[in-house]
């Protein structure tokens, strides 16, 4: 099952910096207070600035014993017991899909979205 999350406006600059860093090799991660209903190989889509921009492919899901430090920003994300979803292989959507930002996650199969634009 694929998920959709929002990059908050306050984090968009960091997200761009991380993206340029990861292009040279590495991965991104996102922490959650619960385990999302996703598996290895599923996609994590992002909405930024009112549009779904692209997705990464999940390669690891694990519960963390302490927060994870971001190598780019130096910030500590998540708390003990949170779940970390690691993803890589970023793909930009050719046709951006309008979608207002939100808190939490949304499951793609429960949304009325153009599956062709999502590259499914």
PDB file of N, CA and C in Angstrom:
ATOM      1  N   UNK A   1       0.859  -1.169   0.000  1.00  0.00           N
ATOM      2  CA  UNK A   1       0.000   0.000   0.000  1.00  0.00           C
ATOM      3  C   UNK A   1       0.907   1.234   0.000  1.00  0.00           C
ATOM      4  N   UNK A   2       0.649   2.192  -0.868  1.00  0.00           N
ATOM      5  CA  UNK A   2       1.438   3.408  -0.964  1.00  0.00           C
ATOM      6  C   UNK A   2       0.827   4.476  -0.062  1.00  0.00           C
ATOM      7  N   UNK A   3       1.690   5.392   0.430  1.00  0.00           N
ATOM      8  CA  UNK A   3       1.200   6.463   1.297  1.00  0.00           C
ATOM      9  C   UNK A   3       1.572   7.830   0.731  1.00  0.00           C
ATOM     10  N   UNK A   4       0.855   8.833   1.215  1.00  0.00           N
ATOM     11  CA  UNK A   4       1.095  10.230   0.857  1.00  0.00           C
ATOM     12  C   UNK A   4       1.324  11.005   2.143  1.00  0.00           C
ATOM     13  N   UNK A   5       2.380  11.819   2.166  1.00  0.00           N
ATOM     14  CA  UNK A   5       2.679  12.673   3.311  1.00  0.00           C
ATOM     15  C   UNK A   5       2.950  14.089   2.797  1.00  0.00           C
ATOM     16  N   UNK A   6       2.982  15.039   3.712  1.00  0.00           N
ATOM     17  CA  UNK A   6       3.224  16.437   3.363  1.00  0.00           C
ATOM     18  C   UNK A   6       4.604  16.859   3.844  1.00  0.00           C
ATOM     19  N   UNK A   7       5.293  17.626   3.007  1.00  0.00           N
ATOM     20  CA  UNK A   7       6.481  18.335   3.462  1.00  0.00           C
ATOM     21  C   UNK A   7       5.991  19.698   3.933  1.00  0.00           C
ATOM     22  N   UNK A   8       6.095  19.986   5.241  1.00  0.00           N
ATOM     23  CA  UNK A   8       5.632  21.290   5.731  1.00  0.00           C
ATOM     24  C   UNK A   8       6.395  22.435   5.071  1.00  0.00           C
ATOM     25  N   UNK A   9       5.734  23.576   4.911  1.00  0.00           N
ATOM     26  CA  UNK A   9       6.382  24.745   4.308  1.00  0.00           C
ATOM     27  C   UNK A   9       7.676  25.088   5.032  1.00  0.00           C
ATOM     28  N   UNK A  10       7.683  24.901   6.356  1.00  0.00           N
ATOM     29  CA  UNK A  10       8.872  25.234   7.148  1.00  0.00           C
ATOM     30  C   UNK A  10      10.058  24.312   6.852  1.00  0.00           C
ATOM     31  N   UNK A  11       9.812  23.170   6.192  1.00  0.00           N
ATOM     32  CA  UNK A  11      10.877  22.203   5.908  1.00  0.00           C
ATOM     33  C   UNK A  11      11.229  22.118   4.423  1.00  0.00           C
ATOM     34  N   UNK A  12      10.579  22.905   3.578  1.00  0.00           N
ATOM     35  CA  UNK A  12      10.809  22.781   2.142  1.00  0.00           C
ATOM     36  C   UNK A  12      12.234  23.136   1.729  1.00  0.00           C
ATOM     37  N   UNK A  13      12.836  24.115   2.373  1.00  0.00           N
ATOM     38  CA  UNK A  13      14.217  24.465   2.048  1.00  0.00           C
ATOM     39  C   UNK A  13      15.157  23.318   2.426  1.00  0.00           C
ATOM     40  N   UNK A  14      14.966  22.747   3.629  1.00  0.00           N
ATOM     41  CA  UNK A  14      15.774  21.588   4.036  1.00  0.00           C
ATOM     42  C   UNK A  14      15.564  20.412   3.095  1.00  0.00           C
ATOM     43  N   UNK A  15      14.332  20.214   2.669  1.00  0.00           N
ATOM     44  CA  UNK A  15      14.016  19.114   1.757  1.00  0.00           C
ATOM     45  C   UNK A  15      14.792  19.257   0.450  1.00  0.00           C
ATOM     46  N   UNK A  16      14.877  20.466  -0.069  1.00  0.00           N
ATOM     47  CA  UNK A  16      15.624  20.702  -1.307  1.00  0.00           C
ATOM     48  C   UNK A  16      17.114  20.422  -1.109  1.00  0.00           C
ATOM     49  N   UNK A  17      17.655  20.859   0.015  1.00  0.00           N
ATOM     50  CA  UNK A  17      19.074  20.606   0.319  1.00  0.00           C
ATOM     51  C   UNK A  17      19.319  19.101   0.433  1.00  0.00           C
ATOM     52  N   UNK A  18      18.441  18.409   1.138  1.00  0.00           N
ATOM     53  CA  UNK A  18      18.572  16.951   1.273  1.00  0.00           C
ATOM     54  C   UNK A  18      18.520  16.276  -0.088  1.00  0.00           C
ATOM     55  N   UNK A  19      17.593  16.735  -0.941  1.00  0.00           N
ATOM     56  CA  UNK A  19      17.454  16.144  -2.274  1.00  0.00           C
ATOM     57  C   UNK A  19      18.724  16.244  -3.090  1.00  0.00           C
ATOM     58  N   UNK A  20      19.351  17.415  -3.067  1.00  0.00           N
ATOM     59  CA  UNK A  20      20.595  17.592  -3.823  1.00  0.00           C
ATOM     60  C   UNK A  20      21.717  16.732  -3.238  1.00  0.00           C
ATOM     61  N   UNK A  21      21.721  16.544  -1.934  1.00  0.00           N
ATOM     62  CA  UNK A  21      22.733  15.710  -1.286  1.00  0.00           C
ATOM     63  C   UNK A  21      22.517  14.241  -1.637  1.00  0.00           C
ATOM     64  N   UNK A  22      21.279  13.797  -1.592  1.00  0.00           N
ATOM     65  CA  UNK A  22      20.947  12.382  -1.826  1.00  0.00           C
ATOM     66  C   UNK A  22      21.180  11.986  -3.279  1.00  0.00           C
ATOM     67  N   UNK A  23      21.075  12.925  -4.209  1.00  0.00           N
ATOM     68  CA  UNK A  23      21.330  12.614  -5.611  1.00  0.00           C
ATOM     69  C   UNK A  23      22.706  11.992  -5.807  1.00  0.00           C
ATOM     70  N   UNK A  24      23.609  12.287  -4.901  1.00  0.00           N
ATOM     71  CA  UNK A  24      24.972  11.762  -4.976  1.00  0.00           C
ATOM     72  C   UNK A  24      25.095  10.394  -4.309  1.00  0.00           C
ATOM     73  N   UNK A  25      24.000   9.880  -3.765  1.00  0.00           N
ATOM     74  CA  UNK A  25      23.984   8.571  -3.107  1.00  0.00           C
ATOM     75  C   UNK A  25      23.497   8.699  -1.687  1.00  0.00           C
ATOM     76  N   UNK A  26      22.650   7.795  -1.280  1.00  0.00           N
ATOM     77  CA  UNK A  26      22.114   7.810   0.067  1.00  0.00           C
ATOM     78  C   UNK A  26      20.621   7.561   0.073  1.00  0.00           C
ATOM     79  N   UNK A  27      19.980   7.987   1.140  1.00  0.00           N
ATOM     80  CA  UNK A  27      18.544   7.760   1.287  1.00  0.00           C
ATOM     81  C   UNK A  27      17.939   8.858   2.137  1.00  0.00           C
ATOM     82  N   UNK A  28      16.628   8.930   2.103  1.00  0.00           N
ATOM     83  CA  UNK A  28      15.860   9.808   2.973  1.00  0.00           C
ATOM     84  C   UNK A  28      15.186   8.948   4.026  1.00  0.00           C
ATOM     85  N   UNK A  29      14.670   9.575   5.061  1.00  0.00           N
ATOM     86  CA  UNK A  29      13.841   8.841   6.012  1.00  0.00           C
ATOM     87  C   UNK A  29      12.773   9.764   6.556  1.00  0.00           C
ATOM     88  N   UNK A  30      11.735   9.147   7.046  1.00  0.00           N
ATOM     89  CA  UNK A  30      10.631   9.860   7.684  1.00  0.00           C
ATOM     90  C   UNK A  30      10.275   9.063   8.924  1.00  0.00           C
ATOM     91  N   UNK A  31      10.001   9.733  10.041  1.00  0.00           N
ATOM     92  CA  UNK A  31       9.623   9.033  11.263  1.00  0.00           C
ATOM     93  C   UNK A  31       8.133   9.221  11.531  1.00  0.00           C
ATOM     94  N   UNK A  32       7.544   8.194  12.124  1.00  0.00           N
ATOM     95  CA  UNK A  32       6.120   8.181  12.449  1.00  0.00           C
ATOM     96  C   UNK A  32       5.932   7.646  13.861  1.00  0.00           C
ATOM     97  N   UNK A  33       4.881   8.089  14.543  1.00  0.00           N
ATOM     98  CA  UNK A  33       4.594   7.609  15.892  1.00  0.00           C
ATOM     99  C   UNK A  33       3.946   6.232  15.871  1.00  0.00           C
ATOM    100  N   UNK A  34       3.582   5.762  14.692  1.00  0.00           N
ATOM    101  CA  UNK A  34       2.953   4.451  14.512  1.00  0.00           C
ATOM    102  C   UNK A  34       3.556   3.821  13.267  1.00  0.00           C
ATOM    103  N   UNK A  35       3.304   2.517  13.089  1.00  0.00           N
ATOM    104  CA  UNK A  35       3.816   1.850  11.893  1.00  0.00           C
ATOM    105  C   UNK A  35       2.801   1.988  10.766  1.00  0.00           C
ATOM    106  N   UNK A  36       3.151   2.730   9.707  1.00  0.00           N
ATOM    107  CA  UNK A  36       2.233   2.835   8.581  1.00  0.00           C
ATOM    108  C   UNK A  36       2.002   1.461   7.945  1.00  0.00           C
ATOM    109  N   UNK A  37       0.851   1.277   7.329  1.00  0.00           N
ATOM    110  CA  UNK A  37       0.509   0.003   6.679  1.00  0.00           C
ATOM    111  C   UNK A  37       1.142  -0.047   5.291  1.00  0.00           C
ATOM    112  N   UNK A  38       2.475  -0.137   5.272  1.00  0.00           N
ATOM    113  CA  UNK A  38       3.222  -0.228   4.027  1.00  0.00           C
ATOM    114  C   UNK A  38       4.252  -1.329   4.147  1.00  0.00           C
ATOM    115  N   UNK A  39       4.792  -1.727   3.016  1.00  0.00           N
ATOM    116  CA  UNK A  39       5.807  -2.776   2.966  1.00  0.00           C
ATOM    117  C   UNK A  39       7.002  -2.307   2.152  1.00  0.00           C
ATOM    118  N   UNK A  40       8.072  -3.062   2.218  1.00  0.00           N
ATOM    119  CA  UNK A  40       9.246  -2.796   1.399  1.00  0.00           C
ATOM    120  C   UNK A  40       8.807  -2.827  -0.067  1.00  0.00           C
ATOM    121  N   UNK A  41       9.265  -1.856  -0.837  1.00  0.00           N
ATOM    122  CA  UNK A  41       8.893  -1.772  -2.252  1.00  0.00           C
ATOM    123  C   UNK A  41       7.716  -0.856  -2.516  1.00  0.00           C
ATOM    124  N   UNK A  42       6.958  -0.504  -1.469  1.00  0.00           N
ATOM    125  CA  UNK A  42       5.864   0.449  -1.631  1.00  0.00           C
ATOM    126  C   UNK A  42       6.445   1.848  -1.816  1.00  0.00           C
ATOM    127  N   UNK A  43       5.589   2.767  -2.185  1.00  0.00           N
ATOM    128  CA  UNK A  43       6.018   4.136  -2.436  1.00  0.00           C
ATOM    129  C   UNK A  43       5.531   5.090  -1.349  1.00  0.00           C
ATOM    130  N   UNK A  44       6.340   6.113  -1.091  1.00  0.00           N
ATOM    131  CA  UNK A  44       5.950   7.200  -0.212  1.00  0.00           C
ATOM    132  C   UNK A  44       5.942   8.465  -1.078  1.00  0.00           C
ATOM    133  N   UNK A  45       4.744   8.978  -1.318  1.00  0.00           N
ATOM    134  CA  UNK A  45       4.540  10.176  -2.138  1.00  0.00           C
ATOM    135  C   UNK A  45       4.560  11.408  -1.238  1.00  0.00           C
ATOM    136  N   UNK A  46       4.925  12.546  -1.842  1.00  0.00           N
ATOM    137  CA  UNK A  46       4.980  13.803  -1.091  1.00  0.00           C
ATOM    138  C   UNK A  46       4.184  14.887  -1.781  1.00  0.00           C
ATOM    139  N   UNK A  47       3.430  15.642  -0.968  1.00  0.00           N
ATOM    140  CA  UNK A  47       2.796  16.848  -1.458  1.00  0.00           C
ATOM    141  C   UNK A  47       3.555  18.027  -0.855  1.00  0.00           C
ATOM    142  N   UNK A  48       3.914  18.952  -1.729  1.00  0.00           N
ATOM    143  CA  UNK A  48       4.647  20.152  -1.322  1.00  0.00           C
ATOM    144  C   UNK A  48       4.048  21.343  -2.058  1.00  0.00           C
ATOM    145  N   UNK A  49       3.761  22.400  -1.344  1.00  0.00           N
ATOM    146  CA  UNK A  49       3.243  23.603  -1.977  1.00  0.00           C
ATOM    147  C   UNK A  49       1.937  23.389  -2.727  1.00  0.00           C
ATOM    148  N   UNK A  50       1.123  22.462  -2.260  1.00  0.00           N
ATOM    149  CA  UNK A  50      -0.189  22.250  -2.858  1.00  0.00           C
ATOM    150  C   UNK A  50      -0.246  21.274  -4.018  1.00  0.00           C
ATOM    151  N   UNK A  51       0.863  20.568  -4.299  1.00  0.00           N
ATOM    152  CA  UNK A  51       0.854  19.556  -5.363  1.00  0.00           C
ATOM    153  C   UNK A  51       1.651  18.324  -4.940  1.00  0.00           C
ATOM    154  N   UNK A  52       1.236  17.169  -5.449  1.00  0.00           N
ATOM    155  CA  UNK A  52       2.017  15.943  -5.255  1.00  0.00           C
ATOM    156  C   UNK A  52       3.149  16.011  -6.272  1.00  0.00           C
ATOM    157  N   UNK A  53       4.380  15.964  -5.782  1.00  0.00           N
ATOM    158  CA  UNK A  53       5.544  16.209  -6.630  1.00  0.00           C
ATOM    159  C   UNK A  53       6.256  14.944  -7.102  1.00  0.00           C
ATOM    160  N   UNK A  54       6.279  13.914  -6.262  1.00  0.00           N
ATOM    161  CA  UNK A  54       7.013  12.709  -6.621  1.00  0.00           C
ATOM    162  C   UNK A  54       6.957  11.690  -5.508  1.00  0.00           C
ATOM    163  N   UNK A  55       7.790  10.659  -5.638  1.00  0.00           N
ATOM    164  CA  UNK A  55       7.788   9.578  -4.660  1.00  0.00           C
ATOM    165  C   UNK A  55       9.162   8.931  -4.551  1.00  0.00           C
ATOM    166  N   UNK A  56       9.358   8.251  -3.415  1.00  0.00           N
ATOM    167  CA  UNK A  56      10.519   7.422  -3.203  1.00  0.00           C
ATOM    168  C   UNK A  56      10.053   6.003  -2.941  1.00  0.00           C
ATOM    169  N   UNK A  57      10.965   5.042  -3.090  1.00  0.00           N
ATOM    170  CA  UNK A  57      10.639   3.633  -2.888  1.00  0.00           C
ATOM    171  C   UNK A  57      11.158   3.193  -1.521  1.00  0.00           C
ATOM    172  N   UNK A  58      10.268   2.628  -0.719  1.00  0.00           N
ATOM    173  CA  UNK A  58      10.599   2.200   0.643  1.00  0.00           C
ATOM    174  C   UNK A  58      11.510   0.970   0.594  1.00  0.00           C
ATOM    175  N   UNK A  59      12.625   1.037   1.343  1.00  0.00           N
ATOM    176  CA  UNK A  59      13.524  -0.116   1.400  1.00  0.00           C
ATOM    177  C   UNK A  59      13.760  -0.620   2.821  1.00  0.00           C
ATOM    178  N   UNK A  60      13.293   0.120   3.824  1.00  0.00           N
ATOM    179  CA  UNK A  60      13.436  -0.353   5.205  1.00  0.00           C
ATOM    180  C   UNK A  60      12.381   0.313   6.084  1.00  0.00           C
ATOM    181  N   UNK A  61      11.820  -0.468   6.997  1.00  0.00           N
ATOM    182  CA  UNK A  61      10.879   0.034   7.993  1.00  0.00           C
ATOM    183  C   UNK A  61      11.313  -0.587   9.312  1.00  0.00           C
ATOM    184  N   UNK A  62      11.551   0.259  10.310  1.00  0.00           N
ATOM    185  CA  UNK A  62      11.962  -0.313  11.599  1.00  0.00           C
ATOM    186  C   UNK A  62      11.569   0.608  12.739  1.00  0.00           C
ATOM    187  N   UNK A  63      11.429  -0.022  13.894  1.00  0.00           N
ATOM    188  CA  UNK A  63      11.162   0.747  15.103  1.00  0.00           C
ATOM    189  C   UNK A  63      12.509   1.210  15.636  1.00  0.00           C
ATOM    190  N   UNK A  64      12.552   2.445  16.114  1.00  0.00           N
ATOM    191  CA  UNK A  64      13.835   3.003  16.552  1.00  0.00           C
ATOM    192  C   UNK A  64      13.941   3.001  18.073  1.00  0.00           C
ATOM    193  N   UNK A  65      15.179   2.847  18.541  1.00  0.00           N
ATOM    194  CA  UNK A  65      15.420   2.863  19.982  1.00  0.00           C
ATOM    195  C   UNK A  65      15.700   4.285  20.469  1.00  0.00           C
ATOM    196  N   UNK A  66      16.024   5.167  19.520  1.00  0.00           N
ATOM    197  CA  UNK A  66      16.218   6.584  19.824  1.00  0.00           C
ATOM    198  C   UNK A  66      16.075   7.359  18.529  1.00  0.00           C
ATOM    199  N   UNK A  67      16.030   8.667  18.601  1.00  0.00           N
ATOM    200  CA  UNK A  67      15.862   9.479  17.402  1.00  0.00           C
ATOM    201  C   UNK A  67      16.973   9.258  16.388  1.00  0.00           C
ATOM    202  N   UNK A  68      16.692   9.596  15.154  1.00  0.00           N
ATOM    203  CA  UNK A  68      17.653   9.466  14.060  1.00  0.00           C
ATOM    204  C   UNK A  68      18.174  10.847  13.690  1.00  0.00           C
ATOM    205  N   UNK A  69      19.478  10.981  13.614  1.00  0.00           N
ATOM    206  CA  UNK A  69      20.082  12.255  13.247  1.00  0.00           C
ATOM    207  C   UNK A  69      20.163  12.366  11.728  1.00  0.00           C
ATOM    208  N   UNK A  70      19.726  13.504  11.207  1.00  0.00           N
ATOM    209  CA  UNK A  70      19.817  13.781   9.772  1.00  0.00           C
ATOM    210  C   UNK A  70      21.244  14.226   9.457  1.00  0.00           C
ATOM    211  N   UNK A  71      21.888  13.566   8.501  1.00  0.00           N
ATOM    212  CA  UNK A  71      23.260  13.908   8.134  1.00  0.00           C
ATOM    213  C   UNK A  71      23.360  15.280   7.480  1.00  0.00           C
ATOM    214  N   UNK A  72      22.266  15.752   6.891  1.00  0.00           N
ATOM    215  CA  UNK A  72      22.285  17.038   6.184  1.00  0.00           C
ATOM    216  C   UNK A  72      22.032  18.202   7.140  1.00  0.00           C
ATOM    217  N   UNK A  73      20.968  18.098   7.942  1.00  0.00           N
ATOM    218  CA  UNK A  73      20.582  19.210   8.813  1.00  0.00           C
ATOM    219  C   UNK A  73      21.150  19.099  10.218  1.00  0.00           C
ATOM    220  N   UNK A  74      21.552  17.884  10.614  1.00  0.00           N
ATOM    221  CA  UNK A  74      22.048  17.667  11.964  1.00  0.00           C
ATOM    222  C   UNK A  74      20.936  17.552  12.998  1.00  0.00           C
ATOM    223  N   UNK A  75      19.687  17.631  12.569  1.00  0.00           N
ATOM    224  CA  UNK A  75      18.557  17.568  13.493  1.00  0.00           C
ATOM    225  C   UNK A  75      18.242  16.128  13.873  1.00  0.00           C
ATOM    226  N   UNK A  76      17.707  15.970  15.061  1.00  0.00           N
ATOM    227  CA  UNK A  76      17.296  14.665  15.568  1.00  0.00           C
ATOM    228  C   UNK A  76      15.798  14.511  15.326  1.00  0.00           C
ATOM    229  N   UNK A  77      15.409  13.427  14.653  1.00  0.00           N
ATOM    230  CA  UNK A  77      14.009  13.172  14.304  1.00  0.00           C
ATOM    231  C   UNK A  77      13.510  11.919  14.989  1.00  0.00           C
ATOM    232  N   UNK A  78      12.290  11.968  15.486  1.00  0.00           N
ATOM    233  CA  UNK A  78      11.659  10.795  16.084  1.00  0.00           C
ATOM    234  C   UNK A  78      12.059  10.584  17.522  1.00  0.00           C
ATOM    235  N   UNK A  79      11.304   9.740  18.193  1.00  0.00           N
ATOM    236  CA  UNK A  79      11.542   9.383  19.586  1.00  0.00           C
ATOM    237  C   UNK A  79      11.608   7.872  19.712  1.00  0.00           C
ATOM    238  N   UNK A  80      12.096   7.413  20.840  1.00  0.00           N
ATOM    239  CA  UNK A  80      12.142   5.979  21.119  1.00  0.00           C
ATOM    240  C   UNK A  80      10.757   5.388  20.900  1.00  0.00           C
ATOM    241  N   UNK A  81      10.702   4.297  20.164  1.00  0.00           N
ATOM    242  CA  UNK A  81       9.437   3.628  19.880  1.00  0.00           C
ATOM    243  C   UNK A  81       8.781   4.066  18.585  1.00  0.00           C
ATOM    244  N   UNK A  82       9.251   5.189  18.003  1.00  0.00           N
ATOM    245  CA  UNK A  82       8.718   5.625  16.709  1.00  0.00           C
ATOM    246  C   UNK A  82       9.178   4.660  15.618  1.00  0.00           C
ATOM    247  N   UNK A  83       8.538   4.760  14.473  1.00  0.00           N
ATOM    248  CA  UNK A  83       8.921   3.953  13.317  1.00  0.00           C
ATOM    249  C   UNK A  83       9.606   4.841  12.290  1.00  0.00           C
ATOM    250  N   UNK A  84      10.664   4.306  11.721  1.00  0.00           N
ATOM    251  CA  UNK A  84      11.404   4.998  10.690  1.00  0.00           C
ATOM    252  C   UNK A  84      11.152   4.289   9.367  1.00  0.00           C
ATOM    253  N   UNK A  85      10.805   5.071   8.362  1.00  0.00           N
ATOM    254  CA  UNK A  85      10.620   4.551   7.011  1.00  0.00           C
ATOM    255  C   UNK A  85      11.735   5.159   6.162  1.00  0.00           C
ATOM    256  N   UNK A  86      12.602   4.298   5.624  1.00  0.00           N
ATOM    257  CA  UNK A  86      13.690   4.765   4.765  1.00  0.00           C
ATOM    258  C   UNK A  86      13.281   4.542   3.310  1.00  0.00           C
ATOM    259  N   UNK A  87      13.606   5.524   2.465  1.00  0.00           N
ATOM    260  CA  UNK A  87      13.253   5.410   1.054  1.00  0.00           C
ATOM    261  C   UNK A  87      14.340   6.026   0.181  1.00  0.00           C
ATOM    262  N   UNK A  88      14.389   5.583  -1.060  1.00  0.00           N
ATOM    263  CA  UNK A  88      15.382   6.081  -2.017  1.00  0.00           C
ATOM    264  C   UNK A  88      14.777   6.003  -3.417  1.00  0.00           C
ATOM    265  N   UNK A  89      15.593   6.147  -4.432  1.00  0.00           N
ATOM    266  CA  UNK A  89      15.152   6.052  -5.827  1.00  0.00           C
ATOM    267  C   UNK A  89      14.040   7.041  -6.140  1.00  0.00           C
ATOM    268  N   UNK A  90      14.264   8.311  -5.816  1.00  0.00           N
ATOM    269  CA  UNK A  90      13.265   9.355  -6.012  1.00  0.00           C
ATOM    270  C   UNK A  90      12.887   9.502  -7.477  1.00  0.00           C
ATOM    271  N   UNK A  91      11.596   9.632  -7.734  1.00  0.00           N
ATOM    272  CA  UNK A  91      11.060   9.869  -9.069  1.00  0.00           C
ATOM    273  C   UNK A  91      10.135  11.074  -9.017  1.00  0.00           C
ATOM    274  N   UNK A  92      10.357  12.038  -9.897  1.00  0.00           N
ATOM    275  CA  UNK A  92       9.469  13.182 -10.015  1.00  0.00           C
ATOM    276  C   UNK A  92       8.272  12.788 -10.866  1.00  0.00           C
ATOM    277  N   UNK A  93       7.106  13.269 -10.510  1.00  0.00           N
ATOM    278  CA  UNK A  93       5.934  13.071 -11.348  1.00  0.00           C
ATOM    279  C   UNK A  93       6.006  14.034 -12.524  1.00  0.00           C
ATOM    280  N   UNK A  94       5.720  13.554 -13.713  1.00  0.00           N
ATOM    281  CA  UNK A  94       5.721  14.406 -14.900  1.00  0.00           C
ATOM    282  C   UNK A  94       4.590  15.420 -14.786  1.00  0.00           C
ATOM    283  N   UNK A  95       3.408  14.943 -14.439  1.00  0.00           N
ATOM    284  CA  UNK A  95       2.242  15.809 -14.248  1.00  0.00           C
ATOM    285  C   UNK A  95       1.959  15.924 -12.764  1.00  0.00           C
ATOM    286  N   UNK A  96       2.246  17.087 -12.204  1.00  0.00           N
ATOM    287  CA  UNK A  96       1.982  17.309 -10.778  1.00  0.00           C
ATOM    288  C   UNK A  96       0.478  17.228 -10.525  1.00  0.00           C
ATOM    289  N   UNK A  97       0.091  16.721  -9.370  1.00  0.00           N
ATOM    290  CA  UNK A  97      -1.314  16.537  -9.020  1.00  0.00           C
ATOM    291  C   UNK A  97      -1.667  17.493  -7.885  1.00  0.00           C
ATOM    292  N   UNK A  98      -2.642  18.374  -8.068  1.00  0.00           N
ATOM    293  CA  UNK A  98      -3.039  19.275  -6.982  1.00  0.00           C
ATOM    294  C   UNK A  98      -3.508  18.485  -5.760  1.00  0.00           C
ATOM    295  N   UNK A  99      -2.969  18.828  -4.600  1.00  0.00           N
ATOM    296  CA  UNK A  99      -3.371  18.175  -3.354  1.00  0.00           C
ATOM    297  C   UNK A  99      -2.912  19.045  -2.196  1.00  0.00           C
ATOM    298  N   UNK A 100      -3.849  19.546  -1.452  1.00  0.00           N
ATOM    299  CA  UNK A 100      -3.551  20.418  -0.316  1.00  0.00           C
ATOM    300  C   UNK A 100      -2.812  19.637   0.782  1.00  0.00           C
ATOM    301  N   UNK A 101      -1.881  20.301   1.433  1.00  0.00           N
ATOM    302  CA  UNK A 101      -1.133  19.683   2.523  1.00  0.00           C
ATOM    303  C   UNK A 101      -2.026  19.321   3.697  1.00  0.00           C
ATOM    304  N   UNK A 102      -1.549  18.418   4.545  1.00  0.00           N
ATOM    305  CA  UNK A 102      -2.303  17.896   5.673  1.00  0.00           C
ATOM    306  C   UNK A 102      -1.326  17.336   6.697  1.00  0.00           C
ATOM    307  N   UNK A 103      -1.810  17.045   7.881  1.00  0.00           N
ATOM    308  CA  UNK A 103      -0.991  16.382   8.903  1.00  0.00           C
ATOM    309  C   UNK A 103      -1.251  14.890   8.848  1.00  0.00           C
ATOM    310  N   UNK A 104      -0.244  14.104   9.193  1.00  0.00           N
ATOM    311  CA  UNK A 104      -0.403  12.654   9.211  1.00  0.00           C
ATOM    312  C   UNK A 104      -0.100  12.042   7.858  1.00  0.00           C
ATOM    313  N   UNK A 105      -0.780  10.928   7.560  1.00  0.00           N
ATOM    314  CA  UNK A 105      -0.587  10.253   6.277  1.00  0.00           C
ATOM    315  C   UNK A 105      -1.933   9.975   5.638  1.00  0.00           C
ATOM    316  N   UNK A 106      -1.898   9.733   4.340  1.00  0.00           N
ATOM    317  CA  UNK A 106      -3.071   9.285   3.593  1.00  0.00           C
ATOM    318  C   UNK A 106      -2.634   8.065   2.802  1.00  0.00           C
ATOM    319  N   UNK A 107      -3.529   7.103   2.679  1.00  0.00           N
ATOM    320  CA  UNK A 107      -3.250   5.913   1.882  1.00  0.00           C
ATOM    321  C   UNK A 107      -3.728   6.157   0.456  1.00  0.00           C
ATOM    322  N   UNK A 108      -2.824   6.025  -0.498  1.00  0.00           N
ATOM    323  CA  UNK A 108      -3.090   6.356  -1.895  1.00  0.00           C
ATOM    324  C   UNK A 108      -4.317   5.620  -2.432  1.00  0.00           C
ATOM    325  N   UNK A 109      -4.476   4.341  -2.107  1.00  0.00           N
ATOM    326  CA  UNK A 109      -5.600   3.584  -2.683  1.00  0.00           C
ATOM    327  C   UNK A 109      -6.959   4.063  -2.174  1.00  0.00           C
ATOM    328  N   UNK A 110      -6.969   4.866  -1.125  1.00  0.00           N
ATOM    329  CA  UNK A 110      -8.224   5.398  -0.586  1.00  0.00           C
ATOM    330  C   UNK A 110      -8.551   6.783  -1.141  1.00  0.00           C
ATOM    331  N   UNK A 111      -7.665   7.315  -1.982  1.00  0.00           N
ATOM    332  CA  UNK A 111      -7.854   8.658  -2.529  1.00  0.00           C
ATOM    333  C   UNK A 111      -8.333   8.585  -3.973  1.00  0.00           C
ATOM    334  N   UNK A 112      -9.098   9.558  -4.373  1.00  0.00           N
ATOM    335  CA  UNK A 112      -9.585   9.637  -5.741  1.00  0.00           C
ATOM    336  C   UNK A 112      -8.571  10.431  -6.572  1.00  0.00           C
ATOM    337  N   UNK A 113      -7.501   9.745  -6.993  1.00  0.00           N
ATOM    338  CA  UNK A 113      -6.429  10.387  -7.753  1.00  0.00           C
ATOM    339  C   UNK A 113      -6.239   9.662  -9.079  1.00  0.00           C
ATOM    340  N   UNK A 114      -5.715  10.375 -10.058  1.00  0.00           N
ATOM    341  CA  UNK A 114      -5.417   9.804 -11.361  1.00  0.00           C
ATOM    342  C   UNK A 114      -4.203   8.866 -11.233  1.00  0.00           C
ATOM    343  N   UNK A 115      -4.467   7.577 -11.294  1.00  0.00           N
ATOM    344  CA  UNK A 115      -3.400   6.578 -11.085  1.00  0.00           C
ATOM    345  C   UNK A 115      -2.322   6.666 -12.170  1.00  0.00           C
ATOM    346  N   UNK A 116      -2.682   7.085 -13.383  1.00  0.00           N
ATOM    347  CA  UNK A 116      -1.687   7.221 -14.451  1.00  0.00           C
ATOM    348  C   UNK A 116      -0.691   8.325 -14.101  1.00  0.00           C
ATOM    349  N   UNK A 117      -1.166   9.412 -13.545  1.00  0.00           N
ATOM    350  CA  UNK A 117      -0.276  10.510 -13.155  1.00  0.00           C
ATOM    351  C   UNK A 117       0.644  10.093 -12.012  1.00  0.00           C
ATOM    352  N   UNK A 118       0.171   9.152 -11.177  1.00  0.00           N
ATOM    353  CA  UNK A 118       0.987   8.662 -10.063  1.00  0.00           C
ATOM    354  C   UNK A 118       2.037   7.641 -10.527  1.00  0.00           C
ATOM    355  N   UNK A 119       1.975   7.285 -11.793  1.00  0.00           N
ATOM    356  CA  UNK A 119       2.905   6.299 -12.388  1.00  0.00           C
ATOM    357  C   UNK A 119       2.704   4.914 -11.793  1.00  0.00           C
ATOM    358  N   UNK A 120       1.458   4.593 -11.436  1.00  0.00           N
ATOM    359  CA  UNK A 120       1.155   3.258 -10.896  1.00  0.00           C
ATOM    360  C   UNK A 120       0.858   2.289 -12.016  1.00  0.00           C
TER     361      UNK A 120
END
